[in-house]
């Protein structure tokens, strides 16, 4: 159950990051896009780790 909660929380965070990344792309704020992409990559690694448990 803990694993499912972690994956669910991480998925929600990833969704928020994707929304913010899209907004930054629309605004052509490429510095924020780069930071958000790094955060997205980290969250995706966390998701992979969560599913591998």
PDB file of N, CA and C in Angstrom:
ATOM      1  N   UNK A   1       0.830  -1.194   0.000  1.00  0.00           N
ATOM      2  CA  UNK A   1       0.000   0.000   0.000  1.00  0.00           C
ATOM      3  C   UNK A   1       0.875   1.258   0.000  1.00  0.00           C
ATOM      4  N   UNK A   2       1.973   1.251   0.776  1.00  0.00           N
ATOM      5  CA  UNK A   2       2.873   2.405   0.791  1.00  0.00           C
ATOM      6  C   UNK A   2       3.437   2.685  -0.598  1.00  0.00           C
ATOM      7  N   UNK A   3       3.794   1.622  -1.301  1.00  0.00           N
ATOM      8  CA  UNK A   3       4.342   1.768  -2.653  1.00  0.00           C
ATOM      9  C   UNK A   3       3.317   2.454  -3.553  1.00  0.00           C
ATOM     10  N   UNK A   4       2.071   2.041  -3.443  1.00  0.00           N
ATOM     11  CA  UNK A   4       1.019   2.637  -4.266  1.00  0.00           C
ATOM     12  C   UNK A   4       0.827   4.115  -3.926  1.00  0.00           C
ATOM     13  N   UNK A   5       0.900   4.458  -2.645  1.00  0.00           N
ATOM     14  CA  UNK A   5       0.778   5.862  -2.238  1.00  0.00           C
ATOM     15  C   UNK A   5       1.921   6.703  -2.791  1.00  0.00           C
ATOM     16  N   UNK A   6       3.132   6.158  -2.750  1.00  0.00           N
ATOM     17  CA  UNK A   6       4.298   6.874  -3.274  1.00  0.00           C
ATOM     18  C   UNK A   6       4.143   7.103  -4.773  1.00  0.00           C
ATOM     19  N   UNK A   7       3.751   6.057  -5.484  1.00  0.00           N
ATOM     20  CA  UNK A   7       3.573   6.170  -6.936  1.00  0.00           C
ATOM     21  C   UNK A   7       2.456   7.165  -7.259  1.00  0.00           C
ATOM     22  N   UNK A   8       1.380   7.126  -6.511  1.00  0.00           N
ATOM     23  CA  UNK A   8       0.261   8.038  -6.737  1.00  0.00           C
ATOM     24  C   UNK A   8       0.678   9.491  -6.497  1.00  0.00           C
ATOM     25  N   UNK A   9       1.372   9.733  -5.405  1.00  0.00           N
ATOM     26  CA  UNK A   9       1.839  11.083  -5.085  1.00  0.00           C
ATOM     27  C   UNK A   9       2.818  11.585  -6.136  1.00  0.00           C
ATOM     28  N   UNK A  10       3.736  10.724  -6.526  1.00  0.00           N
ATOM     29  CA  UNK A  10       4.725  11.100  -7.536  1.00  0.00           C
ATOM     30  C   UNK A  10       4.047  11.388  -8.873  1.00  0.00           C
ATOM     31  N   UNK A  11       3.044  10.606  -9.217  1.00  0.00           N
ATOM     32  CA  UNK A  11       2.297  10.836 -10.462  1.00  0.00           C
ATOM     33  C   UNK A  11       1.592  12.186 -10.435  1.00  0.00           C
ATOM     34  N   UNK A  12       1.036  12.534  -9.297  1.00  0.00           N
ATOM     35  CA  UNK A  12       0.370  13.835  -9.167  1.00  0.00           C
ATOM     36  C   UNK A  12       1.371  14.978  -9.321  1.00  0.00           C
ATOM     37  N   UNK A  13       2.530  14.826  -8.694  1.00  0.00           N
ATOM     38  CA  UNK A  13       3.575  15.839  -8.827  1.00  0.00           C
ATOM     39  C   UNK A  13       4.034  15.964 -10.278  1.00  0.00           C
ATOM     40  N   UNK A  14       4.163  14.837 -10.945  1.00  0.00           N
ATOM     41  CA  UNK A  14       4.573  14.842 -12.347  1.00  0.00           C
ATOM     42  C   UNK A  14       3.543  15.579 -13.203  1.00  0.00           C
ATOM     43  N   UNK A  15       2.285  15.369 -12.924  1.00  0.00           N
ATOM     44  CA  UNK A  15       1.228  16.057 -13.662  1.00  0.00           C
ATOM     45  C   UNK A  15       1.336  17.573 -13.479  1.00  0.00           C
ATOM     46  N   UNK A  16       1.601  18.006 -12.254  1.00  0.00           N
ATOM     47  CA  UNK A  16       1.768  19.436 -11.985  1.00  0.00           C
ATOM     48  C   UNK A  16       2.975  19.998 -12.737  1.00  0.00           C
ATOM     49  N   UNK A  17       4.072  19.251 -12.727  1.00  0.00           N
ATOM     50  CA  UNK A  17       5.285  19.680 -13.432  1.00  0.00           C
ATOM     51  C   UNK A  17       5.003  19.810 -14.933  1.00  0.00           C
ATOM     52  N   UNK A  18       4.289  18.835 -15.493  1.00  0.00           N
ATOM     53  CA  UNK A  18       3.966  18.891 -16.924  1.00  0.00           C
ATOM     54  C   UNK A  18       3.111  20.113 -17.256  1.00  0.00           C
ATOM     55  N   UNK A  19       2.156  20.434 -16.396  1.00  0.00           N
ATOM     56  CA  UNK A  19       1.332  21.629 -16.608  1.00  0.00           C
ATOM     57  C   UNK A  19       2.191  22.890 -16.581  1.00  0.00           C
ATOM     58  N   UNK A  20       3.083  22.967 -15.592  1.00  0.00           N
ATOM     59  CA  UNK A  20       3.965  24.133 -15.477  1.00  0.00           C
ATOM     60  C   UNK A  20       4.932  24.215 -16.660  1.00  0.00           C
ATOM     61  N   UNK A  21       5.411  23.055 -17.116  1.00  0.00           N
ATOM     62  CA  UNK A  21       6.315  23.034 -18.261  1.00  0.00           C
ATOM     63  C   UNK A  21       5.598  23.564 -19.513  1.00  0.00           C
ATOM     64  N   UNK A  22       4.361  23.147 -19.714  1.00  0.00           N
ATOM     65  CA  UNK A  22       3.586  23.611 -20.864  1.00  0.00           C
ATOM     66  C   UNK A  22       3.382  25.124 -20.803  1.00  0.00           C
ATOM     67  N   UNK A  23       3.074  25.637 -19.602  1.00  0.00           N
ATOM     68  CA  UNK A  23       2.897  27.081 -19.436  1.00  0.00           C
ATOM     69  C   UNK A  23       4.196  27.828 -19.739  1.00  0.00           C
ATOM     70  N   UNK A  24       5.315  27.282 -19.281  1.00  0.00           N
ATOM     71  CA  UNK A  24       6.613  27.910 -19.538  1.00  0.00           C
ATOM     72  C   UNK A  24       6.939  27.888 -21.032  1.00  0.00           C
ATOM     73  N   UNK A  25       6.583  26.801 -21.701  1.00  0.00           N
ATOM     74  CA  UNK A  25       6.801  26.726 -23.149  1.00  0.00           C
ATOM     75  C   UNK A  25       5.965  27.776 -23.881  1.00  0.00           C
ATOM     76  N   UNK A  26       4.715  27.908 -23.465  1.00  0.00           N
ATOM     77  CA  UNK A  26       3.844  28.915 -24.090  1.00  0.00           C
ATOM     78  C   UNK A  26       4.408  30.322 -23.912  1.00  0.00           C
ATOM     79  N   UNK A  27       4.987  30.571 -22.728  1.00  0.00           N
ATOM     80  CA  UNK A  27       5.550  31.886 -22.423  1.00  0.00           C
ATOM     81  C   UNK A  27       6.970  32.044 -22.977  1.00  0.00           C
ATOM     82  N   UNK A  28       7.485  30.977 -23.580  1.00  0.00           N
ATOM     83  CA  UNK A  28       8.853  30.956 -24.120  1.00  0.00           C
ATOM     84  C   UNK A  28       9.882  31.280 -23.042  1.00  0.00           C
ATOM     85  N   UNK A  29       9.607  30.772 -21.845  1.00  0.00           N
ATOM     86  CA  UNK A  29      10.525  30.942 -20.720  1.00  0.00           C
ATOM     87  C   UNK A  29      11.390  29.683 -20.652  1.00  0.00           C
ATOM     88  N   UNK A  30      12.430  29.675 -21.460  1.00  0.00           N
ATOM     89  CA  UNK A  30      13.197  28.450 -21.656  1.00  0.00           C
ATOM     90  C   UNK A  30      14.057  28.078 -20.450  1.00  0.00           C
ATOM     91  N   UNK A  31      14.392  29.058 -19.628  1.00  0.00           N
ATOM     92  CA  UNK A  31      15.132  28.745 -18.402  1.00  0.00           C
ATOM     93  C   UNK A  31      14.258  27.900 -17.469  1.00  0.00           C
ATOM     94  N   UNK A  32      13.004  28.308 -17.311  1.00  0.00           N
ATOM     95  CA  UNK A  32      12.072  27.529 -16.491  1.00  0.00           C
ATOM     96  C   UNK A  32      11.803  26.167 -17.117  1.00  0.00           C
ATOM     97  N   UNK A  33      11.698  26.128 -18.446  1.00  0.00           N
ATOM     98  CA  UNK A  33      11.463  24.853 -19.134  1.00  0.00           C
ATOM     99  C   UNK A  33      12.579  23.873 -18.788  1.00  0.00           C
ATOM    100  N   UNK A  34      13.822  24.348 -18.837  1.00  0.00           N
ATOM    101  CA  UNK A  34      14.951  23.471 -18.540  1.00  0.00           C
ATOM    102  C   UNK A  34      14.897  22.958 -17.101  1.00  0.00           C
ATOM    103  N   UNK A  35      14.604  23.844 -16.162  1.00  0.00           N
ATOM    104  CA  UNK A  35      14.499  23.435 -14.757  1.00  0.00           C
ATOM    105  C   UNK A  35      13.371  22.423 -14.570  1.00  0.00           C
ATOM    106  N   UNK A  36      12.243  22.675 -15.207  1.00  0.00           N
ATOM    107  CA  UNK A  36      11.100  21.774 -15.078  1.00  0.00           C
ATOM    108  C   UNK A  36      11.380  20.426 -15.734  1.00  0.00           C
ATOM    109  N   UNK A  37      12.117  20.432 -16.830  1.00  0.00           N
ATOM    110  CA  UNK A  37      12.470  19.168 -17.470  1.00  0.00           C
ATOM    111  C   UNK A  37      13.373  18.338 -16.566  1.00  0.00           C
ATOM    112  N   UNK A  38      14.290  19.002 -15.859  1.00  0.00           N
ATOM    113  CA  UNK A  38      15.142  18.287 -14.909  1.00  0.00           C
ATOM    114  C   UNK A  38      14.306  17.692 -13.779  1.00  0.00           C
ATOM    115  N   UNK A  39      13.351  18.474 -13.274  1.00  0.00           N
ATOM    116  CA  UNK A  39      12.471  17.980 -12.215  1.00  0.00           C
ATOM    117  C   UNK A  39      11.619  16.824 -12.734  1.00  0.00           C
ATOM    118  N   UNK A  40      11.143  16.953 -13.965  1.00  0.00           N
ATOM    119  CA  UNK A  40      10.323  15.901 -14.583  1.00  0.00           C
ATOM    120  C   UNK A  40      11.118  14.608 -14.700  1.00  0.00           C
ATOM    121  N   UNK A  41      12.350  14.718 -15.157  1.00  0.00           N
ATOM    122  CA  UNK A  41      13.201  13.539 -15.306  1.00  0.00           C
ATOM    123  C   UNK A  41      13.417  12.855 -13.958  1.00  0.00           C
ATOM    124  N   UNK A  42      13.665  13.647 -12.928  1.00  0.00           N
ATOM    125  CA  UNK A  42      13.868  13.096 -11.588  1.00  0.00           C
ATOM    126  C   UNK A  42      12.612  12.374 -11.094  1.00  0.00           C
ATOM    127  N   UNK A  43      11.456  12.981 -11.300  1.00  0.00           N
ATOM    128  CA  UNK A  43      10.201  12.349 -10.884  1.00  0.00           C
ATOM    129  C   UNK A  43       9.938  11.064 -11.666  1.00  0.00           C
ATOM    130  N   UNK A  44      10.292  11.067 -12.942  1.00  0.00           N
ATOM    131  CA  UNK A  44      10.096   9.858 -13.741  1.00  0.00           C
ATOM    132  C   UNK A  44      11.006   8.731 -13.245  1.00  0.00           C
ATOM    133  N   UNK A  45      12.208   9.079 -12.814  1.00  0.00           N
ATOM    134  CA  UNK A  45      13.097   8.078 -12.224  1.00  0.00           C
ATOM    135  C   UNK A  45      12.504   7.554 -10.917  1.00  0.00           C
ATOM    136  N   UNK A  46      11.936   8.453 -10.115  1.00  0.00           N
ATOM    137  CA  UNK A  46      11.292   8.039  -8.865  1.00  0.00           C
ATOM    138  C   UNK A  46      10.122   7.098  -9.142  1.00  0.00           C
ATOM    139  N   UNK A  47       9.344   7.408 -10.176  1.00  0.00           N
ATOM    140  CA  UNK A  47       8.226   6.534 -10.545  1.00  0.00           C
ATOM    141  C   UNK A  47       8.726   5.152 -10.949  1.00  0.00           C
ATOM    142  N   UNK A  48       9.775   5.130 -11.750  1.00  0.00           N
ATOM    143  CA  UNK A  48      10.347   3.847 -12.172  1.00  0.00           C
ATOM    144  C   UNK A  48      10.807   3.047 -10.961  1.00  0.00           C
ATOM    145  N   UNK A  49      11.468   3.720 -10.032  1.00  0.00           N
ATOM    146  CA  UNK A  49      11.925   3.042  -8.813  1.00  0.00           C
ATOM    147  C   UNK A  49      10.745   2.528  -7.998  1.00  0.00           C
ATOM    148  N   UNK A  50       9.685   3.329  -7.932  1.00  0.00           N
ATOM    149  CA  UNK A  50       8.503   2.919  -7.181  1.00  0.00           C
ATOM    150  C   UNK A  50       7.854   1.684  -7.760  1.00  0.00           C
ATOM    151  N   UNK A  51       7.814   1.591  -9.079  1.00  0.00           N
ATOM    152  CA  UNK A  51       7.207   0.423  -9.720  1.00  0.00           C
ATOM    153  C   UNK A  51       8.106  -0.799  -9.630  1.00  0.00           C
ATOM    154  N   UNK A  52       9.422  -0.581  -9.489  1.00  0.00           N
ATOM    155  CA  UNK A  52      10.358  -1.702  -9.429  1.00  0.00           C
ATOM    156  C   UNK A  52      10.398  -2.373  -8.061  1.00  0.00           C
ATOM    157  N   UNK A  53       9.810  -1.733  -7.056  1.00  0.00           N
ATOM    158  CA  UNK A  53       9.833  -2.322  -5.697  1.00  0.00           C
ATOM    159  C   UNK A  53       9.008  -3.581  -5.617  1.00  0.00           C
TER     160      UNK A  53
END
